[in-house]
Amino acid sequence: MNLGEPIAIGNTAKIYLHDGKIIKIFNDHLPDTEAEYEANKQKLAHAYGLPVPSIYEVIKVNGKRAIVMEHIKGKTIGSLLVADMSKAEQYIGLSVNIQLKIHAVKAPGLELMSDKLHRQIASAHQLNDKQKNALLERLDLIKYDHYLCHGDYHVFNLILNEKQVSIIDWVDASSGDIRADVYRTYLLYAEFSADLADLYLRLYCDKSGIRQEEIFMWAPLIAGARLAEYVSSEKASRLLEIVNEYCPKN
């Protein structure tokens, strides 16, 4: 199948627009189960009534696993924000409103956040055994209800058109603590702009009634887990600083 050039390239897959549909082809280093794994999460989010692209099928394209899904026309809120930073509060506020709708959904059928974070922290080679044990003990002590968490929520995963905002990229979704999901978003924004991260956190706390201290209790756990992701744009030193603030090496 000749798909032409990808319209987007991520850390795990290339995205193509073909015959009016989106085809997401996963990179070779990922297991064959990855496409089905992500597709099932997106199907669940759709079943919960959220504005999510429909999944059509999981297939093989040129020997690689792929998801075929609905093409949502529009622009990402991230691209609109970059084009006009004077509207930052408007766009971030809109994203918070959507995230609050996600966080209102109970998600018993999804992977548990605690299992996901445990696996990531245990596999982060930049952490020594003392740090890993301290983080995992901290994780086990936190009690919370299991609500839907996107896991990679930011303005570039939101597509805006004249009808609604659609939420994409559900591979990191889990059932867990919404405060952890908020800190994850804050951490992603802080990598590029402290002002944007602070604006996001202020708006989320104002709209939700959750205190910033509650969100920051997740800081070392989310930073430690992100060390296992090997994201090229992320500086491991920044994540280690956050972990070391709570769980020193020695």
Protein backbone atom coordinates (compact mmCIF):
# COMPACT_ATOMS: atom_id res chain seq x y z
CA MET A 1 0.00 0.00 0.00
CA ASN A 2 1.41 3.39 -1.03
CA LEU A 3 0.49 5.94 1.63
CA GLY A 4 2.70 8.81 0.54
CA GLU A 5 4.38 11.00 3.12
CA PRO A 6 3.23 10.97 6.78
CA ILE A 7 1.27 13.98 8.01
CA ALA A 8 2.79 13.57 11.49
CA ILE A 9 5.59 11.61 13.14
CA GLY A 10 5.53 10.70 16.83
CA ASN A 11 7.76 8.75 19.19
CA THR A 12 5.93 5.48 18.54
CA ALA A 13 4.30 5.80 15.13
CA LYS A 14 3.85 7.62 11.83
CA ILE A 15 0.47 9.08 10.92
CA TYR A 16 -0.90 9.02 7.37
CA LEU A 17 -4.06 10.37 5.75
CA HIS A 18 -5.31 7.86 3.16
CA ASP A 19 -8.69 7.53 1.47
CA GLY A 20 -10.29 9.92 3.97
CA LYS A 21 -9.08 7.93 6.98
CA ILE A 22 -6.19 8.19 9.42
CA ILE A 23 -3.74 5.28 9.40
CA LYS A 24 -1.37 5.12 12.36
CA ILE A 25 1.56 2.79 11.64
CA PHE A 26 3.63 1.72 14.63
CA ASN A 27 7.42 1.67 14.69
CA ASP A 28 9.26 -1.65 14.33
CA HIS A 29 10.68 -1.72 17.86
CA LEU A 30 7.22 -1.94 19.44
CA PRO A 31 5.50 -5.29 20.06
CA ASP A 32 2.79 -6.44 17.64
CA THR A 33 0.23 -6.03 20.43
CA GLU A 34 0.79 -2.26 20.68
CA ALA A 35 -1.74 -1.32 17.97
CA GLU A 36 -4.51 -3.43 19.50
CA TYR A 37 -3.58 -2.14 22.95
CA GLU A 38 -4.01 1.51 21.93
CA ALA A 39 -7.08 0.84 19.82
CA ASN A 40 -8.87 -0.79 22.74
CA LYS A 41 -8.16 2.20 24.98
CA GLN A 42 -9.50 4.60 22.38
CA LYS A 43 -12.60 2.45 21.90
CA LEU A 44 -13.22 2.60 25.66
CA ALA A 45 -12.86 6.39 25.70
CA HIS A 46 -15.33 6.57 22.81
CA ALA A 47 -17.72 4.26 24.66
CA TYR A 48 -17.57 6.57 27.68
CA GLY A 49 -19.15 9.25 25.50
CA LEU A 50 -16.07 11.41 24.95
CA PRO A 51 -15.33 13.15 21.63
CA VAL A 52 -12.80 10.64 20.32
CA PRO A 53 -12.12 9.46 16.73
CA SER A 54 -13.85 6.17 15.92
CA ILE A 55 -11.64 3.10 15.45
CA TYR A 56 -12.39 1.20 12.24
CA GLU A 57 -9.92 -1.70 12.38
CA VAL A 58 -6.44 -2.86 13.34
CA ILE A 59 -4.55 -4.20 10.33
CA LYS A 60 -1.10 -4.81 8.91
CA VAL A 61 0.25 -2.29 6.40
CA ASN A 62 3.40 -3.25 4.56
CA GLY A 63 4.17 -5.76 7.30
CA LYS A 64 3.62 -3.34 10.19
CA ARG A 65 0.76 -3.14 12.67
CA ALA A 66 -1.54 -0.17 12.16
CA ILE A 67 -4.76 1.40 13.40
CA VAL A 68 -7.29 2.72 10.90
CA MET A 69 -9.46 5.43 12.44
CA GLU A 70 -11.76 8.33 11.70
CA HIS A 71 -10.17 11.46 10.28
CA ILE A 72 -11.12 14.51 12.36
CA LYS A 73 -10.79 17.67 10.30
CA GLY A 74 -9.52 20.77 12.06
CA LYS A 75 -6.43 22.19 13.72
CA THR A 76 -4.80 21.24 16.97
CA ILE A 77 -5.30 23.73 19.77
CA GLY A 78 -1.53 23.60 20.13
CA SER A 79 -0.97 24.94 16.62
CA LEU A 80 -3.56 27.68 17.19
CA LEU A 81 -1.88 28.63 20.45
CA VAL A 82 1.58 28.82 18.88
CA ALA A 83 0.16 31.05 16.15
CA ASP A 84 -1.36 33.47 18.66
CA MET A 85 0.05 33.35 22.19
CA SER A 86 -2.13 36.31 23.18
CA LYS A 87 -5.00 33.79 23.37
CA ALA A 88 -3.13 31.46 25.76
CA GLU A 89 -5.67 31.79 28.56
CA GLN A 90 -8.56 31.14 26.15
CA TYR A 91 -6.99 28.02 24.62
CA ILE A 92 -5.60 26.59 27.86
CA GLY A 93 -8.94 27.28 29.54
CA LEU A 94 -10.72 25.36 26.78
CA SER A 95 -8.30 22.45 27.19
CA VAL A 96 -8.92 22.40 30.95
CA ASN A 97 -12.68 22.25 30.39
CA ILE A 98 -12.22 19.18 28.19
CA GLN A 99 -9.83 17.57 30.67
CA LEU A 100 -12.36 18.04 33.47
CA LYS A 101 -14.89 16.09 31.38
CA ILE A 102 -12.36 13.26 31.00
CA HIS A 103 -11.66 13.30 34.74
CA ALA A 104 -15.36 12.99 35.57
CA VAL A 105 -15.49 9.50 34.01
CA LYS A 106 -15.00 6.39 36.13
CA ALA A 107 -12.94 3.89 34.16
CA PRO A 108 -13.00 0.44 35.77
CA GLY A 109 -12.16 -1.39 32.53
CA LEU A 110 -8.86 0.35 31.89
CA GLU A 111 -5.28 -0.42 32.90
CA LEU A 112 -4.59 0.71 36.47
CA MET A 113 -2.36 3.77 36.75
CA SER A 114 -0.57 2.24 39.73
CA ASP A 115 0.45 -0.81 37.65
CA LYS A 116 1.64 1.40 34.78
CA LEU A 117 3.69 3.71 37.03
CA HIS A 118 5.15 0.78 38.96
CA ARG A 119 6.37 -0.78 35.72
CA GLN A 120 7.86 2.47 34.44
CA ILE A 121 9.63 3.42 37.68
CA ALA A 122 11.08 -0.08 38.05
CA SER A 123 12.51 0.08 34.51
CA ALA A 124 14.03 3.60 34.71
CA HIS A 125 17.79 2.89 34.60
CA GLN A 126 18.69 6.44 35.69
CA LEU A 127 17.25 5.68 39.14
CA ASN A 128 19.18 3.65 41.69
CA ASP A 129 17.56 0.95 43.80
CA LYS A 130 17.12 3.25 46.81
CA GLN A 131 15.25 5.81 44.73
CA LYS A 132 13.09 3.19 43.04
CA ASN A 133 12.14 1.62 46.37
CA ALA A 134 11.32 5.02 47.87
CA LEU A 135 9.15 5.97 44.91
CA LEU A 136 7.34 2.63 44.83
CA GLU A 137 6.67 2.80 48.57
CA ARG A 138 5.29 6.30 48.10
CA LEU A 139 3.09 5.06 45.24
CA ASP A 140 1.67 2.25 47.36
CA LEU A 141 0.68 4.69 50.12
CA ILE A 142 -1.49 6.93 47.96
CA LYS A 143 -5.18 6.09 48.00
CA TYR A 144 -7.51 7.36 45.29
CA ASP A 145 -10.59 6.62 43.22
CA HIS A 146 -10.12 5.30 39.71
CA TYR A 147 -11.07 7.92 37.16
CA LEU A 148 -10.17 8.17 33.50
CA CYS A 149 -6.73 9.72 32.95
CA HIS A 150 -5.47 10.48 29.44
CA GLY A 151 -1.80 10.08 30.37
CA ASP A 152 -0.43 12.43 27.71
CA TYR A 153 -2.84 15.34 27.79
CA HIS A 154 -1.76 18.57 26.10
CA VAL A 155 -3.00 21.04 23.50
CA PHE A 156 -1.41 19.20 20.56
CA ASN A 157 -3.63 16.18 21.31
CA LEU A 158 -6.79 18.27 20.94
CA ILE A 159 -8.28 18.93 17.49
CA LEU A 160 -10.64 21.90 17.22
CA ASN A 161 -13.20 22.38 14.45
CA GLU A 162 -16.52 24.20 14.15
CA LYS A 163 -18.35 21.32 15.85
CA GLN A 164 -16.27 20.33 18.88
CA VAL A 165 -12.88 19.50 20.34
CA SER A 166 -11.74 15.92 19.69
CA ILE A 167 -9.19 14.15 21.88
CA ILE A 168 -6.54 11.97 20.25
CA ASP A 169 -3.61 9.72 21.24
CA TRP A 170 -4.96 7.46 23.99
CA VAL A 171 -2.07 4.99 24.27
CA ASP A 172 -1.08 6.18 27.77
CA ALA A 173 -4.60 6.24 29.20
CA SER A 174 -5.23 4.57 32.53
CA SER A 175 -7.63 4.35 35.43
CA GLY A 176 -6.19 6.34 38.29
CA ASP A 177 -5.76 9.59 40.18
CA ILE A 178 -6.71 12.71 38.23
CA ARG A 179 -4.16 14.72 40.25
CA ALA A 180 -1.40 12.60 38.74
CA ASP A 181 -2.79 13.24 35.26
CA VAL A 182 -2.76 16.98 35.95
CA TYR A 183 0.83 16.90 37.15
CA ARG A 184 1.82 14.99 34.02
CA THR A 185 0.33 17.76 31.86
CA TYR A 186 2.01 20.42 34.00
CA LEU A 187 5.36 18.62 33.60
CA LEU A 188 4.96 18.50 29.81
CA TYR A 189 4.22 22.22 29.60
CA ALA A 190 7.01 23.15 32.02
CA GLU A 191 9.52 21.53 29.67
CA PHE A 192 8.86 24.33 27.18
CA SER A 193 7.37 27.23 29.15
CA ALA A 194 7.13 27.83 32.90
CA ASP A 195 4.54 30.56 32.28
CA LEU A 196 2.32 28.23 30.25
CA ALA A 197 2.64 25.48 32.87
CA ASP A 198 1.72 27.89 35.67
CA LEU A 199 -1.24 29.22 33.69
CA TYR A 200 -2.51 25.69 33.09
CA LEU A 201 -2.15 24.72 36.74
CA ARG A 202 -3.87 27.88 37.98
CA LEU A 203 -6.81 27.40 35.64
CA TYR A 204 -7.21 23.71 36.45
CA CYS A 205 -7.13 24.35 40.20
CA ASP A 206 -9.55 27.27 39.92
CA LYS A 207 -12.04 25.25 37.87
CA SER A 208 -11.72 21.97 39.82
CA GLY A 209 -11.24 23.15 43.40
CA ILE A 210 -8.18 20.88 43.76
CA ARG A 211 -5.22 22.45 45.57
CA GLN A 212 -1.80 22.67 43.92
CA GLU A 213 -0.21 20.85 46.88
CA GLU A 214 -2.38 17.81 46.14
CA ILE A 215 -1.16 17.77 42.55
CA PHE A 216 2.51 18.24 43.42
CA MET A 217 2.52 15.21 45.73
CA TRP A 218 2.69 13.25 42.46
CA ALA A 219 5.77 15.14 41.21
CA PRO A 220 8.52 12.57 41.97
CA LEU A 221 6.38 9.63 40.83
CA ILE A 222 5.46 11.12 37.46
CA ALA A 223 8.99 12.45 36.88
CA GLY A 224 10.49 9.08 37.80
CA ALA A 225 8.09 7.23 35.49
CA ARG A 226 8.85 9.60 32.61
CA LEU A 227 12.53 8.65 32.84
CA ALA A 228 11.53 5.27 31.39
CA GLU A 229 10.06 6.85 28.25
CA TYR A 230 13.34 7.89 26.61
CA VAL A 231 11.76 10.96 24.99
CA SER A 232 14.42 12.77 22.95
CA SER A 233 13.12 16.26 23.76
CA GLU A 234 13.05 15.64 27.51
CA LYS A 235 16.11 16.31 29.66
CA ALA A 236 16.73 13.48 32.11
CA SER A 237 18.58 15.90 34.39
CA ARG A 238 15.40 17.94 34.89
CA LEU A 239 13.43 14.84 35.85
CA LEU A 240 16.16 13.62 38.18
CA GLU A 241 16.18 16.99 39.94
CA ILE A 242 12.49 16.57 40.70
CA VAL A 243 12.99 13.00 41.94
CA ASN A 244 16.06 13.95 44.03
CA GLU A 245 14.12 16.72 45.74
CA TYR A 246 11.91 14.07 47.31
CA CYS A 247 14.06 10.93 47.11
CA PRO A 248 17.82 11.72 47.30
CA LYS A 249 20.27 9.28 45.72
CA ASN A 250 22.12 8.60 48.97
